[in-house]
Amino acid sequence: MTDDAPVLRARMYGEDDLSSLPVFAGGFINFGFWQDLAADQPITVEQRVESQFALYRLVFERLGVGERDAVLEIGSGTGVGAAWAFTEFGPRELHGVDLRTCREIT
């Protein structure tokens, strides 16, 4: 996203912007993938954000996404995860669709 991401996000989601809540730290709107997490310890913001990257990593690795693939993400929210996955896994195309907008990363 660009420098005016907060303005765009406010226009798209208004008061319904879940990514602004602390539980969705990092701008993601998912619950993440937790592996080897000590359940008796508080969760840091850094762990929370990493768990969200871990969820995308898990899905893209299991699917074997690579440079020849085109990916469609349904419910892409603000597009943070899709943009990261595009950079990390390098599919030929990645399209994100959300309730209020449609975005394309190529």
Foldseek 3Di string as FASTA:
>chain_A
DDPCLVVVLCVQQPPNQPCVDLCNDPSFDDQFADDPDDPVDDDDSVNRNVRNLRVLVVVCVVVVAAQADAEEAEACRSVPNVVVCCVVHVYVWYWYDHPRDTDTDD
